[in-house]
Amino acid sequence: MPKAIMIIGAGPGIGQAVARRFGREGWTIVLCSRSHKRLATLVAELQRTGVEAHAIEADATDAAALRAAIGSGGNP
């Protein structure tokens, strides 16, 4: 069974470390952060190493925006 993890607050530090660790273990990674640039950089890094990674740009402190972003799969 495929494994997937969503990391909300995928900024520098713990969020990135968790993404890298789970990616190495073969998990599909879904990253959520307010920073499009930061998301794009980490997704590209993970994909270069063969990890299936996706990004959702949303503010985790705004519940409505977070629900909308997750519900849309991150697509505007």
C-alpha atoms as a PDB file:
ATOM      1  CA  MET A   1       0.000   0.000   0.000  1.00  0.00           C
ATOM      2  CA  PRO A   2       1.433   3.420  -0.944  1.00  0.00           C
ATOM      3  CA  LYS A   3       2.231   5.724   1.946  1.00  0.00           C
ATOM      4  CA  ALA A   4       1.722   9.483   1.920  1.00  0.00           C
ATOM      5  CA  ILE A   5       2.313  12.241   4.429  1.00  0.00           C
ATOM      6  CA  MET A   6       1.168  15.858   4.437  1.00  0.00           C
ATOM      7  CA  ILE A   7       3.519  18.262   6.176  1.00  0.00           C
ATOM      8  CA  ILE A   8       1.836  21.510   7.174  1.00  0.00           C
ATOM      9  CA  GLY A   9       4.358  24.228   7.892  1.00  0.00           C
ATOM     10  CA  ALA A  10       6.987  22.840   5.540  1.00  0.00           C
ATOM     11  CA  GLY A  11       9.355  25.711   6.163  1.00  0.00           C
ATOM     12  CA  PRO A  12      13.023  25.488   7.028  1.00  0.00           C
ATOM     13  CA  GLY A  13      14.065  23.311   9.905  1.00  0.00           C
ATOM     14  CA  ILE A  14      11.871  20.512  11.194  1.00  0.00           C
ATOM     15  CA  GLY A  15       9.379  20.545   8.296  1.00  0.00           C
ATOM     16  CA  GLN A  16      12.092  20.142   5.674  1.00  0.00           C
ATOM     17  CA  ALA A  17      13.903  17.504   7.717  1.00  0.00           C
ATOM     18  CA  VAL A  18      10.699  15.482   8.098  1.00  0.00           C
ATOM     19  CA  ALA A  19      10.027  15.729   4.342  1.00  0.00           C
ATOM     20  CA  ARG A  20      13.517  14.527   3.487  1.00  0.00           C
ATOM     21  CA  ARG A  21      13.369  11.659   5.987  1.00  0.00           C
ATOM     22  CA  PHE A  22       9.985  10.353   4.869  1.00  0.00           C
ATOM     23  CA  GLY A  23      11.014  10.803   1.229  1.00  0.00           C
ATOM     24  CA  ARG A  24      14.066   8.601   1.786  1.00  0.00           C
ATOM     25  CA  GLU A  25      11.729   5.969   3.230  1.00  0.00           C
ATOM     26  CA  GLY A  26       9.624   5.944   0.033  1.00  0.00           C
ATOM     27  CA  TRP A  27       6.663   8.035   1.137  1.00  0.00           C
ATOM     28  CA  THR A  28       4.798  10.422  -1.164  1.00  0.00           C
ATOM     29  CA  ILE A  29       5.209  13.911   0.290  1.00  0.00           C
ATOM     30  CA  VAL A  30       2.628  16.718   0.219  1.00  0.00           C
ATOM     31  CA  LEU A  31       4.055  20.000   1.495  1.00  0.00           C
ATOM     32  CA  CYS A  32       2.040  22.963   2.711  1.00  0.00           C
ATOM     33  CA  SER A  33       3.506  26.410   3.358  1.00  0.00           C
ATOM     34  CA  ARG A  34       2.801  30.097   2.748  1.00  0.00           C
ATOM     35  CA  SER A  35       5.995  30.507   0.729  1.00  0.00           C
ATOM     36  CA  HIS A  36       5.686  29.431  -2.913  1.00  0.00           C
ATOM     37  CA  LYS A  37       9.437  29.851  -3.441  1.00  0.00           C
ATOM     38  CA  ARG A  38      10.310  27.665  -0.459  1.00  0.00           C
ATOM     39  CA  LEU A  39       7.817  25.010  -1.556  1.00  0.00           C
ATOM     40  CA  ALA A  40       9.097  24.970  -5.134  1.00  0.00           C
ATOM     41  CA  THR A  41      12.692  24.623  -3.974  1.00  0.00           C
ATOM     42  CA  LEU A  42      11.977  21.714  -1.630  1.00  0.00           C
ATOM     43  CA  VAL A  43       9.674  19.921  -4.091  1.00  0.00           C
ATOM     44  CA  ALA A  44      12.357  20.177  -6.803  1.00  0.00           C
ATOM     45  CA  GLU A  45      15.003  18.860  -4.398  1.00  0.00           C
ATOM     46  CA  LEU A  46      12.851  15.896  -3.401  1.00  0.00           C
ATOM     47  CA  GLN A  47      11.875  15.094  -6.987  1.00  0.00           C
ATOM     48  CA  ARG A  48      15.538  15.115  -8.077  1.00  0.00           C
ATOM     49  CA  THR A  49      16.110  12.269  -5.627  1.00  0.00           C
ATOM     50  CA  GLY A  50      13.151  10.283  -6.975  1.00  0.00           C
ATOM     51  CA  VAL A  51      10.597  11.252  -4.327  1.00  0.00           C
ATOM     52  CA  GLU A  52       7.016  11.933  -5.410  1.00  0.00           C
ATOM     53  CA  ALA A  53       6.426  15.386  -3.922  1.00  0.00           C
ATOM     54  CA  HIS A  54       3.617  17.932  -4.265  1.00  0.00           C
ATOM     55  CA  ALA A  55       3.065  21.459  -2.955  1.00  0.00           C
ATOM     56  CA  ILE A  56       0.046  23.278  -1.595  1.00  0.00           C
ATOM     57  CA  GLU A  57       0.481  26.988  -0.935  1.00  0.00           C
ATOM     58  CA  ALA A  58      -1.692  28.030   2.015  1.00  0.00           C
ATOM     59  CA  ASP A  59      -1.548  29.793   5.360  1.00  0.00           C
ATOM     60  CA  ALA A  60      -1.995  27.130   8.043  1.00  0.00           C
ATOM     61  CA  THR A  61      -3.256  29.777  10.491  1.00  0.00           C
ATOM     62  CA  ASP A  62      -6.265  30.460   8.221  1.00  0.00           C
ATOM     63  CA  ALA A  63      -8.526  27.411   8.579  1.00  0.00           C
ATOM     64  CA  ALA A  64     -10.804  28.332   5.660  1.00  0.00           C
ATOM     65  CA  ALA A  65      -7.870  28.928   3.300  1.00  0.00           C
ATOM     66  CA  LEU A  66      -6.240  25.679   4.388  1.00  0.00           C
ATOM     67  CA  ARG A  67      -9.435  23.672   3.829  1.00  0.00           C
ATOM     68  CA  ALA A  68      -9.875  25.273   0.393  1.00  0.00           C
ATOM     69  CA  ALA A  69      -6.286  24.550  -0.632  1.00  0.00           C
ATOM     70  CA  ILE A  70      -6.460  20.942   0.507  1.00  0.00           C
ATOM     71  CA  GLY A  71      -9.854  20.444  -1.119  1.00  0.00           C
ATOM     72  CA  SER A  72      -8.587  21.790  -4.435  1.00  0.00           C
ATOM     73  CA  GLY A  73      -5.449  19.673  -4.363  1.00  0.00           C
ATOM     74  CA  GLY A  74      -3.468  22.896  -4.248  1.00  0.00           C
ATOM     75  CA  ASN A  75      -4.765  24.076  -7.612  1.00  0.00           C
ATOM     76  CA  PRO A  76      -6.157  27.627  -7.757  1.00  0.00           C
END
